[in-house]
PDB file of N, CA and C in Angstrom:
ATOM      1  N   MET A   1       0.844  -1.156   0.000  1.00  0.00           N
ATOM      2  CA  MET A   1       0.000   0.000   0.000  1.00  0.00           C
ATOM      3  C   MET A   1       0.901   1.235   0.000  1.00  0.00           C
ATOM      4  N   PRO A   2       0.622   2.194  -0.876  1.00  0.00           N
ATOM      5  CA  PRO A   2       1.483   3.375  -0.937  1.00  0.00           C
ATOM      6  C   PRO A   2       1.281   4.274   0.282  1.00  0.00           C
ATOM      7  N   ALA A   3       2.397   4.799   0.766  1.00  0.00           N
ATOM      8  CA  ALA A   3       2.321   5.718   1.915  1.00  0.00           C
ATOM      9  C   ALA A   3       1.900   7.098   1.458  1.00  0.00           C
ATOM     10  N   GLU A   4       2.153   7.413   0.187  1.00  0.00           N
ATOM     11  CA  GLU A   4       1.709   8.684  -0.370  1.00  0.00           C
ATOM     12  C   GLU A   4       1.352   8.482  -1.836  1.00  0.00           C
ATOM     13  N   PHE A   5       0.572   9.412  -2.339  1.00  0.00           N
ATOM     14  CA  PHE A   5       0.135   9.363  -3.731  1.00  0.00           C
ATOM     15  C   PHE A   5       0.838  10.471  -4.498  1.00  0.00           C
ATOM     16  N   ASP A   6       1.206  10.186  -5.725  1.00  0.00           N
ATOM     17  CA  ASP A   6       1.897  11.145  -6.575  1.00  0.00           C
ATOM     18  C   ASP A   6       0.868  11.817  -7.479  1.00  0.00           C
ATOM     19  N   LEU A   7       0.639  13.103  -7.282  1.00  0.00           N
ATOM     20  CA  LEU A   7      -0.265  13.871  -8.128  1.00  0.00           C
ATOM     21  C   LEU A   7       0.554  14.885  -8.912  1.00  0.00           C
ATOM     22  N   TYR A   8       0.939  14.494 -10.125  1.00  0.00           N
ATOM     23  CA  TYR A   8       1.724  15.351 -11.017  1.00  0.00           C
ATOM     24  C   TYR A   8       2.989  15.862 -10.348  1.00  0.00           C
ATOM     25  N   GLY A   9       3.706  15.005  -9.673  1.00  0.00           N
ATOM     26  CA  GLY A   9       4.969  15.353  -9.058  1.00  0.00           C
ATOM     27  C   GLY A   9       4.866  15.839  -7.625  1.00  0.00           C
ATOM     28  N   VAL A  10       3.660  16.002  -7.116  1.00  0.00           N
ATOM     29  CA  VAL A  10       3.455  16.432  -5.733  1.00  0.00           C
ATOM     30  C   VAL A  10       3.013  15.220  -4.932  1.00  0.00           C
ATOM     31  N   TYR A  11       3.764  14.906  -3.901  1.00  0.00           N
ATOM     32  CA  TYR A  11       3.426  13.756  -3.065  1.00  0.00           C
ATOM     33  C   TYR A  11       2.434  14.177  -1.984  1.00  0.00           C
ATOM     34  N   VAL A  12       1.294  13.520  -1.976  1.00  0.00           N
ATOM     35  CA  VAL A  12       0.228  13.808  -1.029  1.00  0.00           C
ATOM     36  C   VAL A  12       0.133  12.622  -0.067  1.00  0.00           C
ATOM     37  N   PRO A  13       0.155  12.884   1.240  1.00  0.00           N
ATOM     38  CA  PRO A  13       0.060  11.774   2.191  1.00  0.00           C
ATOM     39  C   PRO A  13      -1.248  10.995   2.039  1.00  0.00           C
ATOM     40  N   ARG A  14      -1.158   9.706   2.240  1.00  0.00           N
ATOM     41  CA  ARG A  14      -2.323   8.829   2.106  1.00  0.00           C
ATOM     42  C   ARG A  14      -3.430   9.226   3.076  1.00  0.00           C
ATOM     43  N   LEU A  15      -3.049   9.609   4.289  1.00  0.00           N
ATOM     44  CA  LEU A  15      -4.055   9.979   5.285  1.00  0.00           C
ATOM     45  C   LEU A  15      -4.841  11.211   4.853  1.00  0.00           C
ATOM     46  N   LEU A  16      -4.189  12.159   4.201  1.00  0.00           N
ATOM     47  CA  LEU A  16      -4.888  13.356   3.725  1.00  0.00           C
ATOM     48  C   LEU A  16      -5.939  12.991   2.688  1.00  0.00           C
ATOM     49  N   VAL A  17      -5.597  12.098   1.792  1.00  0.00           N
ATOM     50  CA  VAL A  17      -6.551  11.652   0.772  1.00  0.00           C
ATOM     51  C   VAL A  17      -7.732  10.942   1.431  1.00  0.00           C
ATOM     52  N   LEU A  18      -7.440  10.080   2.398  1.00  0.00           N
ATOM     53  CA  LEU A  18      -8.510   9.363   3.091  1.00  0.00           C
ATOM     54  C   LEU A  18      -9.400  10.319   3.878  1.00  0.00           C
ATOM     55  N   MET A  19      -8.800  11.346   4.482  1.00  0.00           N
ATOM     56  CA  MET A  19      -9.590  12.314   5.244  1.00  0.00           C
ATOM     57  C   MET A  19     -10.500  13.133   4.333  1.00  0.00           C
ATOM     58  N   LEU A  20     -10.038  13.470   3.135  1.00  0.00           N
ATOM     59  CA  LEU A  20     -10.885  14.212   2.198  1.00  0.00           C
ATOM     60  C   LEU A  20     -12.038  13.359   1.679  1.00  0.00           C
ATOM     61  N   VAL A  21     -11.763  12.095   1.405  1.00  0.00           N
ATOM     62  CA  VAL A  21     -12.832  11.178   0.976  1.00  0.00           C
ATOM     63  C   VAL A  21     -13.873  11.026   2.083  1.00  0.00           C
ATOM     64  N   THR A  22     -13.390  10.900   3.308  1.00  0.00           N
ATOM     65  CA  THR A  22     -14.300  10.767   4.450  1.00  0.00           C
ATOM     66  C   THR A  22     -15.103  12.037   4.668  1.00  0.00           C
ATOM     67  N   LEU A  23     -14.490  13.190   4.461  1.00  0.00           N
ATOM     68  CA  LEU A  23     -15.204  14.458   4.629  1.00  0.00           C
ATOM     69  C   LEU A  23     -16.391  14.557   3.679  1.00  0.00           C
ATOM     70  N   PHE A  24     -16.189  14.192   2.426  1.00  0.00           N
ATOM     71  CA  PHE A  24     -17.293  14.235   1.472  1.00  0.00           C
ATOM     72  C   PHE A  24     -18.389  13.231   1.835  1.00  0.00           C
ATOM     73  N   ALA A  25     -17.996  12.066   2.326  1.00  0.00           N
ATOM     74  CA  ALA A  25     -18.986  11.075   2.745  1.00  0.00           C
ATOM     75  C   ALA A  25     -19.770  11.566   3.963  1.00  0.00           C
ATOM     76  N   VAL A  26     -19.097  12.226   4.896  1.00  0.00           N
ATOM     77  CA  VAL A  26     -19.774  12.727   6.099  1.00  0.00           C
ATOM     78  C   VAL A  26     -20.725  13.865   5.745  1.00  0.00           C
ATOM     79  N   ILE A  27     -20.348  14.715   4.817  1.00  0.00           N
ATOM     80  CA  ILE A  27     -21.239  15.808   4.410  1.00  0.00           C
ATOM     81  C   ILE A  27     -22.536  15.246   3.847  1.00  0.00           C
ATOM     82  N   ILE A  28     -22.424  14.248   2.994  1.00  0.00           N
ATOM     83  CA  ILE A  28     -23.618  13.627   2.416  1.00  0.00           C
ATOM     84  C   ILE A  28     -24.442  12.932   3.499  1.00  0.00           C
ATOM     85  N   LEU A  29     -23.776  12.209   4.388  1.00  0.00           N
ATOM     86  CA  LEU A  29     -24.482  11.489   5.453  1.00  0.00           C
ATOM     87  C   LEU A  29     -25.152  12.443   6.437  1.00  0.00           C
ATOM     88  N   ARG A  30     -24.507  13.568   6.754  1.00  0.00           N
ATOM     89  CA  ARG A  30     -25.112  14.555   7.653  1.00  0.00           C
ATOM     90  C   ARG A  30     -26.383  15.148   7.055  1.00  0.00           C
ATOM     91  N   ARG A  31     -26.336  15.448   5.759  1.00  0.00           N
ATOM     92  CA  ARG A  31     -27.544  15.985   5.102  1.00  0.00           C
ATOM     93  C   ARG A  31     -28.665  14.953   5.098  1.00  0.00           C
ATOM     94  N   LEU A  32     -28.315  13.702   4.889  1.00  0.00           N
ATOM     95  CA  LEU A  32     -29.316  12.640   4.908  1.00  0.00           C
ATOM     96  C   LEU A  32     -29.916  12.487   6.306  1.00  0.00           C
ATOM     97  N   LEU A  33     -29.071  12.519   7.333  1.00  0.00           N
ATOM     98  CA  LEU A  33     -29.565  12.397   8.703  1.00  0.00           C
ATOM     99  C   LEU A  33     -30.440  13.587   9.095  1.00  0.00           C
ATOM    100  N   ALA A  34     -30.077  14.775   8.651  1.00  0.00           N
ATOM    101  CA  ALA A  34     -30.900  15.954   8.934  1.00  0.00           C
ATOM    102  C   ALA A  34     -32.230  15.881   8.195  1.00  0.00           C
ATOM    103  N   TRP A  35     -32.205  15.342   6.980  1.00  0.00           N
ATOM    104  CA  TRP A  35     -33.426  15.267   6.192  1.00  0.00           C
ATOM    105  C   TRP A  35     -34.435  14.283   6.785  1.00  0.00           C
ATOM    106  N   ILE A  36     -33.939  13.162   7.314  1.00  0.00           N
ATOM    107  CA  ILE A  36     -34.867  12.185   7.891  1.00  0.00           C
ATOM    108  C   ILE A  36     -35.200  12.495   9.351  1.00  0.00           C
ATOM    109  N   GLY A  37     -34.546  13.490   9.941  1.00  0.00           N
ATOM    110  CA  GLY A  37     -34.861  13.897  11.307  1.00  0.00           C
ATOM    111  C   GLY A  37     -34.181  13.098  12.389  1.00  0.00           C
ATOM    112  N   ALA A  38     -33.073  12.470  12.086  1.00  0.00           N
ATOM    113  CA  ALA A  38     -32.381  11.642  13.072  1.00  0.00           C
ATOM    114  C   ALA A  38     -31.676  12.477  14.133  1.00  0.00           C
ATOM    115  N   TYR A  39     -31.407  13.742  13.844  1.00  0.00           N
ATOM    116  CA  TYR A  39     -30.712  14.580  14.811  1.00  0.00           C
ATOM    117  C   TYR A  39     -31.594  14.973  15.994  1.00  0.00           C
ATOM    118  N   THR A  40     -32.878  14.715  15.926  1.00  0.00           N
ATOM    119  CA  THR A  40     -33.742  14.986  17.078  1.00  0.00           C
ATOM    120  C   THR A  40     -33.488  13.985  18.205  1.00  0.00           C
ATOM    121  N   LEU A  41     -32.886  12.847  17.875  1.00  0.00           N
ATOM    122  CA  LEU A  41     -32.574  11.823  18.871  1.00  0.00           C
ATOM    123  C   LEU A  41     -31.169  11.971  19.450  1.00  0.00           C
ATOM    124  N   VAL A  42     -30.395  12.934  18.945  1.00  0.00           N
ATOM    125  CA  VAL A  42     -29.002  13.097  19.332  1.00  0.00           C
ATOM    126  C   VAL A  42     -28.900  14.187  20.387  1.00  0.00           C
ATOM    127  N   TRP A  43     -28.133  13.914  21.441  1.00  0.00           N
ATOM    128  CA  TRP A  43     -27.988  14.869  22.530  1.00  0.00           C
ATOM    129  C   TRP A  43     -27.111  16.052  22.135  1.00  0.00           C
ATOM    130  N   HIS A  44     -25.942  15.785  21.559  1.00  0.00           N
ATOM    131  CA  HIS A  44     -24.998  16.830  21.197  1.00  0.00           C
ATOM    132  C   HIS A  44     -24.563  16.601  19.750  1.00  0.00           C
ATOM    133  N   ARG A  45     -25.059  17.440  18.863  1.00  0.00           N
ATOM    134  CA  ARG A  45     -24.844  17.214  17.434  1.00  0.00           C
ATOM    135  C   ARG A  45     -23.360  17.280  17.048  1.00  0.00           C
ATOM    136  N   GLY A  46     -22.605  18.181  17.645  1.00  0.00           N
ATOM    137  CA  GLY A  46     -21.189  18.302  17.319  1.00  0.00           C
ATOM    138  C   GLY A  46     -20.395  17.064  17.688  1.00  0.00           C
ATOM    139  N   LEU A  47     -20.654  16.524  18.868  1.00  0.00           N
ATOM    140  CA  LEU A  47     -19.973  15.302  19.285  1.00  0.00           C
ATOM    141  C   LEU A  47     -20.385  14.115  18.421  1.00  0.00           C
ATOM    142  N   PHE A  48     -21.649  14.074  18.067  1.00  0.00           N
ATOM    143  CA  PHE A  48     -22.134  13.003  17.205  1.00  0.00           C
ATOM    144  C   PHE A  48     -21.468  13.073  15.836  1.00  0.00           C
ATOM    145  N   ASP A  49     -21.350  14.280  15.283  1.00  0.00           N
ATOM    146  CA  ASP A  49     -20.710  14.435  13.978  1.00  0.00           C
ATOM    147  C   ASP A  49     -19.229  14.078  14.029  1.00  0.00           C
ATOM    148  N   LEU A  50     -18.558  14.435  15.112  1.00  0.00           N
ATOM    149  CA  LEU A  50     -17.152  14.068  15.263  1.00  0.00           C
ATOM    150  C   LEU A  50     -16.985  12.556  15.353  1.00  0.00           C
ATOM    151  N   ALA A  51     -17.834  11.904  16.140  1.00  0.00           N
ATOM    152  CA  ALA A  51     -17.766  10.446  16.262  1.00  0.00           C
ATOM    153  C   ALA A  51     -18.087   9.777  14.928  1.00  0.00           C
ATOM    154  N   LEU A  52     -19.039  10.321  14.197  1.00  0.00           N
ATOM    155  CA  LEU A  52     -19.377   9.792  12.883  1.00  0.00           C
ATOM    156  C   LEU A  52     -18.192   9.909  11.934  1.00  0.00           C
ATOM    157  N   TYR A  53     -17.499  11.044  11.972  1.00  0.00           N
ATOM    158  CA  TYR A  53     -16.327  11.246  11.123  1.00  0.00           C
ATOM    159  C   TYR A  53     -15.212  10.256  11.468  1.00  0.00           C
ATOM    160  N   VAL A  54     -14.949  10.067  12.752  1.00  0.00           N
ATOM    161  CA  VAL A  54     -13.883   9.150  13.169  1.00  0.00           C
ATOM    162  C   VAL A  54     -14.213   7.717  12.774  1.00  0.00           C
ATOM    163  N   LEU A  55     -15.454   7.313  12.957  1.00  0.00           N
ATOM    164  CA  LEU A  55     -15.847   5.947  12.580  1.00  0.00           C
ATOM    165  C   LEU A  55     -15.759   5.734  11.072  1.00  0.00           C
ATOM    166  N   LEU A  56     -16.193   6.724  10.302  1.00  0.00           N
ATOM    167  CA  LEU A  56     -16.112   6.582   8.854  1.00  0.00           C
ATOM    168  C   LEU A  56     -14.670   6.628   8.358  1.00  0.00           C
ATOM    169  N   LEU A  57     -13.822   7.428   9.015  1.00  0.00           N
ATOM    170  CA  LEU A  57     -12.411   7.458   8.638  1.00  0.00           C
ATOM    171  C   LEU A  57     -11.765   6.104   8.881  1.00  0.00           C
ATOM    172  N   ASP A  58     -12.119   5.467   9.978  1.00  0.00           N
ATOM    173  CA  ASP A  58     -11.598   4.129  10.241  1.00  0.00           C
ATOM    174  C   ASP A  58     -12.101   3.136   9.196  1.00  0.00           C
ATOM    175  N   ALA A  59     -13.364   3.239   8.822  1.00  0.00           N
ATOM    176  CA  ALA A  59     -13.923   2.336   7.822  1.00  0.00           C
ATOM    177  C   ALA A  59     -13.270   2.544   6.456  1.00  0.00           C
ATOM    178  N   VAL A  60     -13.089   3.789   6.066  1.00  0.00           N
ATOM    179  CA  VAL A  60     -12.457   4.081   4.777  1.00  0.00           C
ATOM    180  C   VAL A  60     -11.006   3.615   4.785  1.00  0.00           C
ATOM    181  N   SER A  61     -10.325   3.817   5.899  1.00  0.00           N
ATOM    182  CA  SER A  61      -8.935   3.369   6.010  1.00  0.00           C
ATOM    183  C   SER A  61      -8.845   1.849   5.923  1.00  0.00           C
ATOM    184  N   SER A  62      -9.751   1.166   6.577  1.00  0.00           N
ATOM    185  CA  SER A  62      -9.738  -0.303   6.535  1.00  0.00           C
ATOM    186  C   SER A  62     -10.045  -0.818   5.136  1.00  0.00           C
ATOM    187  N   VAL A  63     -11.000  -0.207   4.472  1.00  0.00           N
ATOM    188  CA  VAL A  63     -11.349  -0.639   3.115  1.00  0.00           C
ATOM    189  C   VAL A  63     -10.198  -0.358   2.164  1.00  0.00           C
ATOM    190  N   SER A  64      -9.552   0.798   2.298  1.00  0.00           N
ATOM    191  CA  SER A  64      -8.437   1.109   1.401  1.00  0.00           C
ATOM    192  C   SER A  64      -7.247   0.201   1.677  1.00  0.00           C
ATOM    193  N   ARG A  65      -7.030  -0.176   2.913  1.00  0.00           N
ATOM    194  CA  ARG A  65      -5.939  -1.089   3.248  1.00  0.00           C
ATOM    195  C   ARG A  65      -6.204  -2.461   2.624  1.00  0.00           C
ATOM    196  N   TRP A  66      -7.459  -2.899   2.659  1.00  0.00           N
ATOM    197  CA  TRP A  66      -7.821  -4.180   2.075  1.00  0.00           C
ATOM    198  C   TRP A  66      -7.749  -4.114   0.545  1.00  0.00           C
ATOM    199  N   TYR A  67      -8.154  -2.981  -0.024  1.00  0.00           N
ATOM    200  CA  TYR A  67      -8.207  -2.847  -1.481  1.00  0.00           C
ATOM    201  C   TYR A  67      -6.825  -2.727  -2.099  1.00  0.00           C
ATOM    202  N   PHE A  68      -5.907  -2.007  -1.449  1.00  0.00           N
ATOM    203  CA  PHE A  68      -4.595  -1.752  -2.036  1.00  0.00           C
ATOM    204  C   PHE A  68      -3.559  -2.830  -1.728  1.00  0.00           C
ATOM    205  N   THR A  69      -3.907  -3.845  -0.974  1.00  0.00           N
ATOM    206  CA  THR A  69      -2.924  -4.898  -0.686  1.00  0.00           C
ATOM    207  C   THR A  69      -3.175  -6.129  -1.515  1.00  0.00           C
TER     208      THR A  69
END
């Protein structure tokens, strides 16, 4: 698995790429959760969003580790 990606001669860390992919996934998921009204069941929306981001980052990292090996 590459530790960094080469984008036209610029080396970008793998974690940065994974974090950007996760950010876009979290934005879509947050809008979906707000649309269906799931945030009415959440005590602290900021903490919930942070936990959601961390869990999805772990999932994306695990999938990319499995895919690139």
